[in-house]
Amino acid sequence: MSSDTSWIMSSRSTGNGGSCVEARRHDGLIEVRNSKARQAGTVQFTTEEWDSFLYGAKRGEFDRLLGD
């Protein structure tokens, strides 16, 4: 699973000025960026960190960050 991938845009992103998050696998890491500010760089995760994040997100562990 070390193959690089192209950028994938979140299906929750909107094409008309909304939130745009993209992710890809590159050099054995998962990179995440804001597609509207690509020059700002990326946040990088190991595959284990990314897997843990997705597991927590799917279980609703971060929902409280959204507020009431």
PDB file of N, CA and C in Angstrom:
ATOM      1  N   MET A   1       0.823  -1.193   0.000  1.00  0.00           N
ATOM      2  CA  MET A   1       0.000   0.000   0.000  1.00  0.00           C
ATOM      3  C   MET A   1       0.869   1.259   0.000  1.00  0.00           C
ATOM      4  N   SER A   2       2.030   1.193  -0.632  1.00  0.00           N
ATOM      5  CA  SER A   2       2.915   2.353  -0.640  1.00  0.00           C
ATOM      6  C   SER A   2       2.762   3.196  -1.900  1.00  0.00           C
ATOM      7  N   SER A   3       1.867   2.824  -2.802  1.00  0.00           N
ATOM      8  CA  SER A   3       1.678   3.564  -4.041  1.00  0.00           C
ATOM      9  C   SER A   3       1.109   4.952  -3.771  1.00  0.00           C
ATOM     10  N   ASP A   4       1.622   5.930  -4.496  1.00  0.00           N
ATOM     11  CA  ASP A   4       1.088   7.285  -4.394  1.00  0.00           C
ATOM     12  C   ASP A   4      -0.266   7.351  -5.096  1.00  0.00           C
ATOM     13  N   THR A   5      -1.112   8.256  -4.645  1.00  0.00           N
ATOM     14  CA  THR A   5      -2.410   8.463  -5.272  1.00  0.00           C
ATOM     15  C   THR A   5      -2.549   9.931  -5.652  1.00  0.00           C
ATOM     16  N   SER A   6      -3.511  10.217  -6.493  1.00  0.00           N
ATOM     17  CA  SER A   6      -3.824  11.617  -6.806  1.00  0.00           C
ATOM     18  C   SER A   6      -4.660  12.186  -5.672  1.00  0.00           C
ATOM     19  N   TRP A   7      -4.809  13.505  -5.672  1.00  0.00           N
ATOM     20  CA  TRP A   7      -5.610  14.161  -4.641  1.00  0.00           C
ATOM     21  C   TRP A   7      -7.063  13.752  -4.783  1.00  0.00           C
ATOM     22  N   ILE A   8      -7.718  13.486  -3.657  1.00  0.00           N
ATOM     23  CA  ILE A   8      -9.131  13.127  -3.597  1.00  0.00           C
ATOM     24  C   ILE A   8      -9.840  14.219  -2.804  1.00  0.00           C
ATOM     25  N   MET A   9     -10.881  14.806  -3.390  1.00  0.00           N
ATOM     26  CA  MET A   9     -11.639  15.842  -2.687  1.00  0.00           C
ATOM     27  C   MET A   9     -12.778  15.199  -1.908  1.00  0.00           C
ATOM     28  N   SER A  10     -12.989  15.681  -0.719  1.00  0.00           N
ATOM     29  CA  SER A  10     -14.078  15.181   0.112  1.00  0.00           C
ATOM     30  C   SER A  10     -15.416  15.350  -0.606  1.00  0.00           C
ATOM     31  N   SER A  11     -16.252  14.340  -0.502  1.00  0.00           N
ATOM     32  CA  SER A  11     -17.589  14.442  -1.107  1.00  0.00           C
ATOM     33  C   SER A  11     -18.447  15.462  -0.370  1.00  0.00           C
ATOM     34  N   ARG A  12     -18.034  15.868   0.829  1.00  0.00           N
ATOM     35  CA  ARG A  12     -18.757  16.886   1.593  1.00  0.00           C
ATOM     36  C   ARG A  12     -18.364  18.299   1.175  1.00  0.00           C
ATOM     37  N   SER A  13     -17.311  18.410   0.364  1.00  0.00           N
ATOM     38  CA  SER A  13     -16.887  19.718  -0.123  1.00  0.00           C
ATOM     39  C   SER A  13     -17.842  20.181  -1.200  1.00  0.00           C
ATOM     40  N   THR A  14     -17.971  21.478  -1.332  1.00  0.00           N
ATOM     41  CA  THR A  14     -18.842  22.012  -2.371  1.00  0.00           C
ATOM     42  C   THR A  14     -17.993  22.716  -3.415  1.00  0.00           C
ATOM     43  N   GLY A  15     -18.453  22.736  -4.624  1.00  0.00           N
ATOM     44  CA  GLY A  15     -17.712  23.344  -5.711  1.00  0.00           C
ATOM     45  C   GLY A  15     -17.933  24.834  -5.869  1.00  0.00           C
ATOM     46  N   ASN A  16     -18.750  25.429  -5.032  1.00  0.00           N
ATOM     47  CA  ASN A  16     -19.075  26.845  -5.216  1.00  0.00           C
ATOM     48  C   ASN A  16     -18.648  27.688  -4.013  1.00  0.00           C
ATOM     49  N   GLY A  17     -17.379  27.542  -3.608  1.00  0.00           N
ATOM     50  CA  GLY A  17     -16.851  28.372  -2.538  1.00  0.00           C
ATOM     51  C   GLY A  17     -17.008  27.812  -1.148  1.00  0.00           C
ATOM     52  N   GLY A  18     -17.419  26.559  -1.028  1.00  0.00           N
ATOM     53  CA  GLY A  18     -17.573  25.961   0.290  1.00  0.00           C
ATOM     54  C   GLY A  18     -16.271  25.380   0.799  1.00  0.00           C
ATOM     55  N   SER A  19     -16.370  24.580   1.819  1.00  0.00           N
ATOM     56  CA  SER A  19     -15.197  23.934   2.413  1.00  0.00           C
ATOM     57  C   SER A  19     -14.652  22.888   1.455  1.00  0.00           C
ATOM     58  N   CYS A  20     -13.361  22.917   1.232  1.00  0.00           N
ATOM     59  CA  CYS A  20     -12.750  21.988   0.285  1.00  0.00           C
ATOM     60  C   CYS A  20     -11.533  21.330   0.924  1.00  0.00           C
ATOM     61  N   VAL A  21     -11.669  20.070   1.256  1.00  0.00           N
ATOM     62  CA  VAL A  21     -10.586  19.298   1.839  1.00  0.00           C
ATOM     63  C   VAL A  21     -10.172  18.234   0.841  1.00  0.00           C
ATOM     64  N   GLU A  22      -8.853  18.086   0.648  1.00  0.00           N
ATOM     65  CA  GLU A  22      -8.327  17.065  -0.245  1.00  0.00           C
ATOM     66  C   GLU A  22      -7.313  16.225   0.518  1.00  0.00           C
ATOM     67  N   ALA A  23      -7.185  14.971   0.116  1.00  0.00           N
ATOM     68  CA  ALA A  23      -6.212  14.079   0.733  1.00  0.00           C
ATOM     69  C   ALA A  23      -5.591  13.197  -0.344  1.00  0.00           C
ATOM     70  N   ARG A  24      -4.367  12.737  -0.061  1.00  0.00           N
ATOM     71  CA  ARG A  24      -3.703  11.792  -0.958  1.00  0.00           C
ATOM     72  C   ARG A  24      -2.683  10.984  -0.164  1.00  0.00           C
ATOM     73  N   ARG A  25      -2.270   9.862  -0.732  1.00  0.00           N
ATOM     74  CA  ARG A  25      -1.168   9.084  -0.179  1.00  0.00           C
ATOM     75  C   ARG A  25       0.072   9.451  -0.981  1.00  0.00           C
ATOM     76  N   HIS A  26       1.148   9.832  -0.286  1.00  0.00           N
ATOM     77  CA  HIS A  26       2.380  10.260  -0.952  1.00  0.00           C
ATOM     78  C   HIS A  26       3.577   9.897  -0.076  1.00  0.00           C
ATOM     79  N   ASP A  27       4.529   9.196  -0.657  1.00  0.00           N
ATOM     80  CA  ASP A  27       5.744   8.788   0.057  1.00  0.00           C
ATOM     81  C   ASP A  27       5.442   8.071   1.369  1.00  0.00           C
ATOM     82  N   GLY A  28       4.404   7.228   1.369  1.00  0.00           N
ATOM     83  CA  GLY A  28       4.063   6.439   2.544  1.00  0.00           C
ATOM     84  C   GLY A  28       3.278   7.174   3.610  1.00  0.00           C
ATOM     85  N   LEU A  29       2.930   8.431   3.371  1.00  0.00           N
ATOM     86  CA  LEU A  29       2.161   9.228   4.326  1.00  0.00           C
ATOM     87  C   LEU A  29       0.834   9.639   3.709  1.00  0.00           C
ATOM     88  N   ILE A  30      -0.116  10.035   4.549  1.00  0.00           N
ATOM     89  CA  ILE A  30      -1.362  10.627   4.088  1.00  0.00           C
ATOM     90  C   ILE A  30      -1.207  12.133   4.249  1.00  0.00           C
ATOM     91  N   GLU A  31      -1.433  12.862   3.167  1.00  0.00           N
ATOM     92  CA  GLU A  31      -1.351  14.320   3.199  1.00  0.00           C
ATOM     93  C   GLU A  31      -2.753  14.894   3.041  1.00  0.00           C
ATOM     94  N   VAL A  32      -3.033  15.940   3.804  1.00  0.00           N
ATOM     95  CA  VAL A  32      -4.327  16.612   3.763  1.00  0.00           C
ATOM     96  C   VAL A  32      -4.072  18.092   3.537  1.00  0.00           C
ATOM     97  N   ARG A  33      -4.881  18.705   2.678  1.00  0.00           N
ATOM     98  CA  ARG A  33      -4.716  20.137   2.415  1.00  0.00           C
ATOM     99  C   ARG A  33      -6.065  20.797   2.158  1.00  0.00           C
ATOM    100  N   ASN A  34      -6.047  22.105   2.262  1.00  0.00           N
ATOM    101  CA  ASN A  34      -7.192  22.939   1.905  1.00  0.00           C
ATOM    102  C   ASN A  34      -7.028  23.267   0.428  1.00  0.00           C
ATOM    103  N   SER A  35      -7.951  22.829  -0.408  1.00  0.00           N
ATOM    104  CA  SER A  35      -7.798  23.028  -1.849  1.00  0.00           C
ATOM    105  C   SER A  35      -7.890  24.499  -2.243  1.00  0.00           C
ATOM    106  N   LYS A  36      -8.427  25.338  -1.358  1.00  0.00           N
ATOM    107  CA  LYS A  36      -8.519  26.760  -1.660  1.00  0.00           C
ATOM    108  C   LYS A  36      -7.276  27.519  -1.203  1.00  0.00           C
ATOM    109  N   ALA A  37      -6.358  26.825  -0.512  1.00  0.00           N
ATOM    110  CA  ALA A  37      -5.113  27.449  -0.045  1.00  0.00           C
ATOM    111  C   ALA A  37      -3.974  26.445  -0.183  1.00  0.00           C
ATOM    112  N   ARG A  38      -3.816  25.897  -1.359  1.00  0.00           N
ATOM    113  CA  ARG A  38      -2.811  24.851  -1.593  1.00  0.00           C
ATOM    114  C   ARG A  38      -1.398  25.312  -1.266  1.00  0.00           C
ATOM    115  N   GLN A  39      -1.115  26.584  -1.466  1.00  0.00           N
ATOM    116  CA  GLN A  39       0.211  27.112  -1.199  1.00  0.00           C
ATOM    117  C   GLN A  39       0.544  27.086   0.295  1.00  0.00           C
ATOM    118  N   ALA A  40      -0.455  26.908   1.136  1.00  0.00           N
ATOM    119  CA  ALA A  40      -0.241  26.870   2.589  1.00  0.00           C
ATOM    120  C   ALA A  40       0.386  25.557   3.040  1.00  0.00           C
ATOM    121  N   GLY A  41       0.451  24.573   2.160  1.00  0.00           N
ATOM    122  CA  GLY A  41       1.076  23.304   2.497  1.00  0.00           C
ATOM    123  C   GLY A  41       0.073  22.245   2.918  1.00  0.00           C
ATOM    124  N   THR A  42       0.625  21.190   3.514  1.00  0.00           N
ATOM    125  CA  THR A  42      -0.194  20.047   3.903  1.00  0.00           C
ATOM    126  C   THR A  42       0.040  19.687   5.363  1.00  0.00           C
ATOM    127  N   VAL A  43      -0.881  18.918   5.891  1.00  0.00           N
ATOM    128  CA  VAL A  43      -0.703  18.252   7.175  1.00  0.00           C
ATOM    129  C   VAL A  43      -0.462  16.794   6.831  1.00  0.00           C
ATOM    130  N   GLN A  44       0.541  16.179   7.441  1.00  0.00           N
ATOM    131  CA  GLN A  44       0.893  14.801   7.109  1.00  0.00           C
ATOM    132  C   GLN A  44       0.630  13.865   8.281  1.00  0.00           C
ATOM    133  N   PHE A  45       0.160  12.669   7.950  1.00  0.00           N
ATOM    134  CA  PHE A  45      -0.139  11.637   8.934  1.00  0.00           C
ATOM    135  C   PHE A  45       0.478  10.321   8.484  1.00  0.00           C
ATOM    136  N   THR A  46       0.911   9.507   9.435  1.00  0.00           N
ATOM    137  CA  THR A  46       1.262   8.136   9.086  1.00  0.00           C
ATOM    138  C   THR A  46      -0.042   7.414   8.768  1.00  0.00           C
ATOM    139  N   THR A  47       0.050   6.281   8.115  1.00  0.00           N
ATOM    140  CA  THR A  47      -1.176   5.543   7.803  1.00  0.00           C
ATOM    141  C   THR A  47      -1.869   5.081   9.087  1.00  0.00           C
ATOM    142  N   GLU A  48      -1.092   4.785  10.130  1.00  0.00           N
ATOM    143  CA  GLU A  48      -1.680   4.387  11.402  1.00  0.00           C
ATOM    144  C   GLU A  48      -2.437   5.557  12.047  1.00  0.00           C
ATOM    145  N   GLU A  49      -1.853   6.751  12.006  1.00  0.00           N
ATOM    146  CA  GLU A  49      -2.529   7.929  12.548  1.00  0.00           C
ATOM    147  C   GLU A  49      -3.811   8.229  11.785  1.00  0.00           C
ATOM    148  N   TRP A  50      -3.745   8.150  10.461  1.00  0.00           N
ATOM    149  CA  TRP A  50      -4.909   8.417   9.626  1.00  0.00           C
ATOM    150  C   TRP A  50      -6.017   7.402   9.905  1.00  0.00           C
ATOM    151  N   ASP A  51      -5.630   6.143  10.017  1.00  0.00           N
ATOM    152  CA  ASP A  51      -6.592   5.086  10.306  1.00  0.00           C
ATOM    153  C   ASP A  51      -7.277   5.338  11.655  1.00  0.00           C
ATOM    154  N   SER A  52      -6.502   5.747  12.654  1.00  0.00           N
ATOM    155  CA  SER A  52      -7.059   6.049  13.971  1.00  0.00           C
ATOM    156  C   SER A  52      -8.002   7.242  13.914  1.00  0.00           C
ATOM    157  N   PHE A  53      -7.615   8.269  13.162  1.00  0.00           N
ATOM    158  CA  PHE A  53      -8.469   9.439  13.014  1.00  0.00           C
ATOM    159  C   PHE A  53      -9.803   9.062  12.363  1.00  0.00           C
ATOM    160  N   LEU A  54      -9.743   8.325  11.261  1.00  0.00           N
ATOM    161  CA  LEU A  54     -10.975   7.923  10.582  1.00  0.00           C
ATOM    162  C   LEU A  54     -11.856   7.071  11.479  1.00  0.00           C
ATOM    163  N   TYR A  55     -11.260   6.174  12.233  1.00  0.00           N
ATOM    164  CA  TYR A  55     -12.015   5.331  13.162  1.00  0.00           C
ATOM    165  C   TYR A  55     -12.761   6.210  14.168  1.00  0.00           C
ATOM    166  N   GLY A  56     -12.061   7.172  14.750  1.00  0.00           N
ATOM    167  CA  GLY A  56     -12.683   8.075  15.715  1.00  0.00           C
ATOM    168  C   GLY A  56     -13.763   8.934  15.085  1.00  0.00           C
ATOM    169  N   ALA A  57     -13.511   9.423  13.877  1.00  0.00           N
ATOM    170  CA  ALA A  57     -14.496  10.266  13.193  1.00  0.00           C
ATOM    171  C   ALA A  57     -15.770   9.477  12.892  1.00  0.00           C
ATOM    172  N   LYS A  58     -15.608   8.249  12.449  1.00  0.00           N
ATOM    173  CA  LYS A  58     -16.771   7.417  12.147  1.00  0.00           C
ATOM    174  C   LYS A  58     -17.583   7.101  13.391  1.00  0.00           C
ATOM    175  N   ARG A  59     -16.930   7.067  14.541  1.00  0.00           N
ATOM    176  CA  ARG A  59     -17.615   6.784  15.808  1.00  0.00           C
ATOM    177  C   ARG A  59     -18.171   8.046  16.456  1.00  0.00           C
ATOM    178  N   GLY A  60     -17.949   9.215  15.863  1.00  0.00           N
ATOM    179  CA  GLY A  60     -18.490  10.453  16.388  1.00  0.00           C
ATOM    180  C   GLY A  60     -17.661  11.088  17.491  1.00  0.00           C
ATOM    181  N   GLU A  61     -16.410  10.647  17.656  1.00  0.00           N
ATOM    182  CA  GLU A  61     -15.568  11.143  18.745  1.00  0.00           C
ATOM    183  C   GLU A  61     -15.241  12.627  18.637  1.00  0.00           C
ATOM    184  N   PHE A  62     -15.372  13.215  17.465  1.00  0.00           N
ATOM    185  CA  PHE A  62     -15.028  14.621  17.274  1.00  0.00           C
ATOM    186  C   PHE A  62     -16.260  15.509  17.099  1.00  0.00           C
ATOM    187  N   ASP A  63     -17.423  14.929  17.195  1.00  0.00           N
ATOM    188  CA  ASP A  63     -18.662  15.685  16.970  1.00  0.00           C
ATOM    189  C   ASP A  63     -18.806  16.873  17.916  1.00  0.00           C
ATOM    190  N   ARG A  64     -18.297  16.768  19.124  1.00  0.00           N
ATOM    191  CA  ARG A  64     -18.440  17.874  20.079  1.00  0.00           C
ATOM    192  C   ARG A  64     -17.678  19.113  19.648  1.00  0.00           C
ATOM    193  N   LEU A  65     -16.738  18.984  18.734  1.00  0.00           N
ATOM    194  CA  LEU A  65     -16.001  20.145  18.218  1.00  0.00           C
ATOM    195  C   LEU A  65     -16.899  21.051  17.373  1.00  0.00           C
ATOM    196  N   LEU A  66     -18.017  20.523  16.905  1.00  0.00           N
ATOM    197  CA  LEU A  66     -18.933  21.290  16.066  1.00  0.00           C
ATOM    198  C   LEU A  66     -19.816  22.226  16.871  1.00  0.00           C
ATOM    199  N   GLY A  67     -19.834  22.068  18.164  1.00  0.00           N
ATOM    200  CA  GLY A  67     -20.676  22.910  19.018  1.00  0.00           C
ATOM    201  C   GLY A  67     -22.084  22.373  19.090  1.00  0.00           C
ATOM    202  N   ASP A  68     -22.952  23.207  19.608  1.00  0.00           N
ATOM    203  CA  ASP A  68     -24.363  22.796  19.794  1.00  0.00           C
ATOM    204  C   ASP A  68     -25.172  22.942  18.546  1.00  0.00           C
TER     205      ASP A  68
END
